Every structure is written in structure tokens, then in C-alpha cells.
C-alpha atoms as a PDB file:
ATOM      1  CA  MET A   1      12.597  33.313   2.527  1.00  0.00           C
ATOM      2  CA  GLU A   2      10.102  30.469   2.843  1.00  0.00           C
ATOM      3  CA  PHE A   3       8.236  28.900  -0.088  1.00  0.00           C
ATOM      4  CA  LEU A   4       4.438  28.950   0.027  1.00  0.00           C
ATOM      5  CA  ASN A   5       1.982  26.845  -1.971  1.00  0.00           C
ATOM      6  CA  ARG A   6      -1.484  27.363  -0.478  1.00  0.00           C
ATOM      7  CA  ILE A   7      -5.011  27.672  -1.774  1.00  0.00           C
ATOM      8  CA  GLU A   8      -8.252  28.305   0.116  1.00  0.00           C
ATOM      9  CA  LEU A   9     -11.656  27.571  -1.384  1.00  0.00           C
ATOM     10  CA  LYS A  10     -15.222  28.090  -0.205  1.00  0.00           C
ATOM     11  CA  GLY A  11     -17.779  26.752  -2.600  1.00  0.00           C
ATOM     12  CA  VAL A  12     -20.215  24.017  -3.500  1.00  0.00           C
ATOM     13  CA  VAL A  13     -19.368  20.353  -4.091  1.00  0.00           C
ATOM     14  CA  GLY A  14     -20.049  19.104  -7.607  1.00  0.00           C
ATOM     15  CA  ARG A  15     -19.225  15.406  -7.796  1.00  0.00           C
ATOM     16  CA  ALA A  16     -17.728  13.292  -5.021  1.00  0.00           C
ATOM     17  CA  GLU A  17     -16.443   9.747  -4.730  1.00  0.00           C
ATOM     18  CA  THR A  18     -14.556   7.899  -2.024  1.00  0.00           C
ATOM     19  CA  ASN A  19     -12.022   5.149  -2.688  1.00  0.00           C
ATOM     20  CA  GLN A  20      -9.244   3.307  -0.861  1.00  0.00           C
ATOM     21  CA  TYR A  21      -5.579   3.739  -1.735  1.00  0.00           C
ATOM     22  CA  ASN A  22      -3.205   1.386   0.123  1.00  0.00           C
ATOM     23  CA  GLY A  23      -5.829   1.047   2.871  1.00  0.00           C
ATOM     24  CA  THR A  24      -6.285   4.807   3.324  1.00  0.00           C
ATOM     25  CA  PRO A  25      -9.595   6.396   2.325  1.00  0.00           C
ATOM     26  CA  VAL A  26      -9.340   9.198  -0.228  1.00  0.00           C
ATOM     27  CA  CYS A  27     -12.217  11.408  -1.335  1.00  0.00           C
ATOM     28  CA  ASN A  28     -11.978  12.981  -4.780  1.00  0.00           C
ATOM     29  CA  PHE A  29     -14.458  15.771  -5.325  1.00  0.00           C
ATOM     30  CA  SER A  30     -14.955  18.932  -7.335  1.00  0.00           C
ATOM     31  CA  VAL A  31     -15.674  22.383  -5.920  1.00  0.00           C
ATOM     32  CA  VAL A  32     -17.209  25.272  -7.824  1.00  0.00           C
ATOM     33  CA  THR A  33     -16.472  28.869  -6.875  1.00  0.00           C
ATOM     34  CA  GLU A  34     -17.897  32.090  -8.254  1.00  0.00           C
ATOM     35  CA  TYR A  35     -16.536  35.596  -8.506  1.00  0.00           C
ATOM     36  CA  SER A  36     -18.719  38.594  -9.300  1.00  0.00           C
ATOM     37  CA  THR A  37     -17.179  41.071 -11.705  1.00  0.00           C
ATOM     38  CA  ARG A  38     -18.098  43.358 -14.607  1.00  0.00           C
ATOM     39  CA  ASP A  39     -17.505  42.752 -18.315  1.00  0.00           C
ATOM     40  CA  LYS A  40     -16.021  45.286 -20.748  1.00  0.00           C
ATOM     41  CA  GLU A  41     -19.392  46.992 -21.196  1.00  0.00           C
ATOM     42  CA  GLY A  42     -19.875  47.335 -17.424  1.00  0.00           C
ATOM     43  CA  ASN A  43     -22.536  44.618 -17.144  1.00  0.00           C
ATOM     44  CA  ALA A  44     -22.539  42.292 -14.155  1.00  0.00           C
ATOM     45  CA  ALA A  45     -20.780  39.009 -14.897  1.00  0.00           C
ATOM     46  CA  ILE A  46     -19.967  35.927 -12.868  1.00  0.00           C
ATOM     47  CA  GLU A  47     -16.717  34.041 -13.296  1.00  0.00           C
ATOM     48  CA  THR A  48     -17.205  30.354 -12.439  1.00  0.00           C
ATOM     49  CA  VAL A  49     -14.198  28.134 -11.727  1.00  0.00           C
ATOM     50  CA  TRP A  50     -14.173  24.382 -11.004  1.00  0.00           C
ATOM     51  CA  PHE A  51     -11.428  22.751  -8.898  1.00  0.00           C
ATOM     52  CA  ASN A  52     -10.566  19.048  -8.503  1.00  0.00           C
ATOM     53  CA  VAL A  53      -9.742  18.203  -4.870  1.00  0.00           C
ATOM     54  CA  ALA A  54      -8.219  15.106  -3.245  1.00  0.00           C
ATOM     55  CA  ALA A  55      -8.680  14.680   0.527  1.00  0.00           C
ATOM     56  CA  TRP A  56      -6.895  11.853   2.355  1.00  0.00           C
ATOM     57  CA  GLY A  57      -8.641  10.252   5.337  1.00  0.00           C
ATOM     58  CA  ASP A  58      -5.587  10.075   7.573  1.00  0.00           C
ATOM     59  CA  ARG A  59      -5.476  13.827   8.214  1.00  0.00           C
ATOM     60  CA  GLY A  60      -8.409  14.463  10.555  1.00  0.00           C
ATOM     61  CA  MET A  61     -10.909  15.017   7.735  1.00  0.00           C
ATOM     62  CA  PRO A  62     -14.683  14.944   8.182  1.00  0.00           C
ATOM     63  CA  ASP A  63     -16.659  11.805   7.423  1.00  0.00           C
ATOM     64  CA  PHE A  64     -16.347  11.481   3.654  1.00  0.00           C
ATOM     65  CA  THR A  65     -19.951  10.277   3.340  1.00  0.00           C
ATOM     66  CA  GLU A  66     -21.022  13.833   4.232  1.00  0.00           C
ATOM     67  CA  ILE A  67     -19.186  15.292   1.223  1.00  0.00           C
ATOM     68  CA  GLN A  68     -21.995  15.127  -1.315  1.00  0.00           C
ATOM     69  CA  LYS A  69     -23.113  17.078  -4.364  1.00  0.00           C
ATOM     70  CA  GLY A  70     -24.592  20.424  -3.375  1.00  0.00           C
ATOM     71  CA  ALA A  71     -22.885  20.647   0.037  1.00  0.00           C
ATOM     72  CA  TRP A  72     -21.103  23.875   0.937  1.00  0.00           C
ATOM     73  CA  ILE A  73     -17.464  23.229   1.773  1.00  0.00           C
ATOM     74  CA  HIS A  74     -14.325  25.004   2.967  1.00  0.00           C
ATOM     75  CA  VAL A  75     -11.000  23.595   1.739  1.00  0.00           C
ATOM     76  CA  ILE A  76      -7.428  24.623   2.506  1.00  0.00           C
ATOM     77  CA  GLY A  77      -4.624  22.841   0.718  1.00  0.00           C
ATOM     78  CA  ARG A  78      -1.851  23.019  -1.827  1.00  0.00           C
ATOM     79  CA  VAL A  79      -1.842  23.077  -5.625  1.00  0.00           C
ATOM     80  CA  ARG A  80      -0.340  20.098  -7.446  1.00  0.00           C
ATOM     81  CA  VAL A  81       0.405  19.768 -11.157  1.00  0.00           C
ATOM     82  CA  ARG A  82      -0.689  16.413 -12.587  1.00  0.00           C
ATOM     83  CA  LYS A  83       0.565  15.365 -16.012  1.00  0.00           C
ATOM     84  CA  TYR A  84      -1.193  12.734 -18.083  1.00  0.00           C
ATOM     85  CA  THR A  85      -1.524  11.415 -21.625  1.00  0.00           C
ATOM     86  CA  THR A  86      -4.887  11.294 -23.383  1.00  0.00           C
ATOM     87  CA  GLN A  87      -6.112   8.360 -25.462  1.00  0.00           C
ATOM     88  CA  ASP A  88      -4.956  10.341 -28.519  1.00  0.00           C
ATOM     89  CA  ASN A  89      -1.399  10.439 -27.073  1.00  0.00           C
ATOM     90  CA  GLU A  90      -1.591  14.152 -26.252  1.00  0.00           C
ATOM     91  CA  GLU A  91       0.395  15.316 -23.242  1.00  0.00           C
ATOM     92  CA  ARG A  92      -1.741  17.382 -20.886  1.00  0.00           C
ATOM     93  CA  SER A  93      -1.509  18.775 -17.397  1.00  0.00           C
ATOM     94  CA  SER A  94      -4.035  19.642 -14.744  1.00  0.00           C
ATOM     95  CA  LEU A  95      -3.883  21.793 -11.606  1.00  0.00           C
ATOM     96  CA  ASP A  96      -5.392  19.875  -8.684  1.00  0.00           C
ATOM     97  CA  VAL A  97      -5.809  20.682  -4.991  1.00  0.00           C
ATOM     98  CA  VAL A  98      -4.492  18.344  -2.291  1.00  0.00           C
ATOM     99  CA  ALA A  99      -6.567  19.138   0.794  1.00  0.00           C
ATOM    100  CA  GLN A 100      -4.956  19.656   4.173  1.00  0.00           C
ATOM    101  CA  TYR A 101      -8.157  20.900   5.837  1.00  0.00           C
ATOM    102  CA  VAL A 102     -11.770  20.209   4.872  1.00  0.00           C
ATOM    103  CA  SER A 103     -14.857  21.449   6.673  1.00  0.00           C
ATOM    104  CA  LEU A 104     -18.504  21.291   5.703  1.00  0.00           C
ATOM    105  CA  ILE A 105     -20.293  24.626   6.060  1.00  0.00           C
ATOM    106  CA  PRO A 106     -23.773  24.401   7.610  1.00  0.00           C
ATOM    107  CA  ARG A 107     -26.484  25.660   5.236  1.00  0.00           C
ATOM    108  CA  GLU A 108     -27.652  28.283   7.742  1.00  0.00           C
ATOM    109  CA  ASN A 109     -24.221  29.960   7.376  1.00  0.00           C
ATOM    110  CA  THR A 110     -24.496  30.280   3.590  1.00  0.00           C
ATOM    111  CA  ARG A 111     -26.384  32.579   1.303  1.00  0.00           C
ATOM    112  CA  PRO A 112     -28.656  31.099  -1.352  1.00  0.00           C
ATOM    113  CA  GLN A 113     -27.174  30.638  -4.804  1.00  0.00           C
ATOM    114  CA  PRO A 114     -28.743  32.655  -7.615  1.00  0.00           C
ATOM    115  CA  GLN A 115     -30.826  30.654 -10.071  1.00  0.00           C
ATOM    116  CA  ARG A 116     -29.389  30.674 -13.578  1.00  0.00           C
ATOM    117  CA  ASN A 117     -30.573  29.380 -16.915  1.00  0.00           C
ATOM    118  CA  TRP A 118     -27.401  27.658 -18.122  1.00  0.00           C
END
């Protein structure tokens, strides 16, 4: 049997920044996804999840300058566990996505997001 570590996201970009690592461009950005569900009382509820994504420029990615806050995006990649220590010396871990495919979704192919009072 073959191992599989794959995640696919379609959502909206939160923050985005591009840097160089050993001469290779890397874009670190966040993606928010939403899932409509019902709570225990049967009322409509929306589950919002944020993902941290790293996309490396040597893999046929789009121009990283186009990955900006508010853009709709489609990401396929793998999940990576990152361990780190906080300033208070607490060991923590984070699940991040390493992108293998990134595509911007044209706005005409998306539905408008509902307005919320957060």
C-alpha cells in the first residue's frame, strides 16, 4: 500500500509575503476556508479554519506578486508538522501546508462571501 499525505484547499488569501531562501523565492501566505454546518440546536453555523501555506518558486507556481490579501486561491500540497519553542520556552507544534500546486481563481468564478459582523 502507498502512503498519502495530501490536502486541497480553495479559499481566500489572508496575509502574504514573499522572501528568498538560498536564492529561491518562497511565498508564505494564509488561506481561510469555511464550512457550513448546523450547531446542536439546529441553527446554521459556519466553521472557519485558517491554514499557513508555503509555496516555493521553483515548482511552476504563479507570479507571487499576484498572491495578495483577498484573492481567491486553489492550493494542493502536503501537510507538514513544524515544531518550535516560544519565548516562554514552551514546546509547540503547528500543521502547515507545503504547496505543490497553486492557482489563482478568477473572481468571476467565485461566489460572493457573506458579510459578517465579527
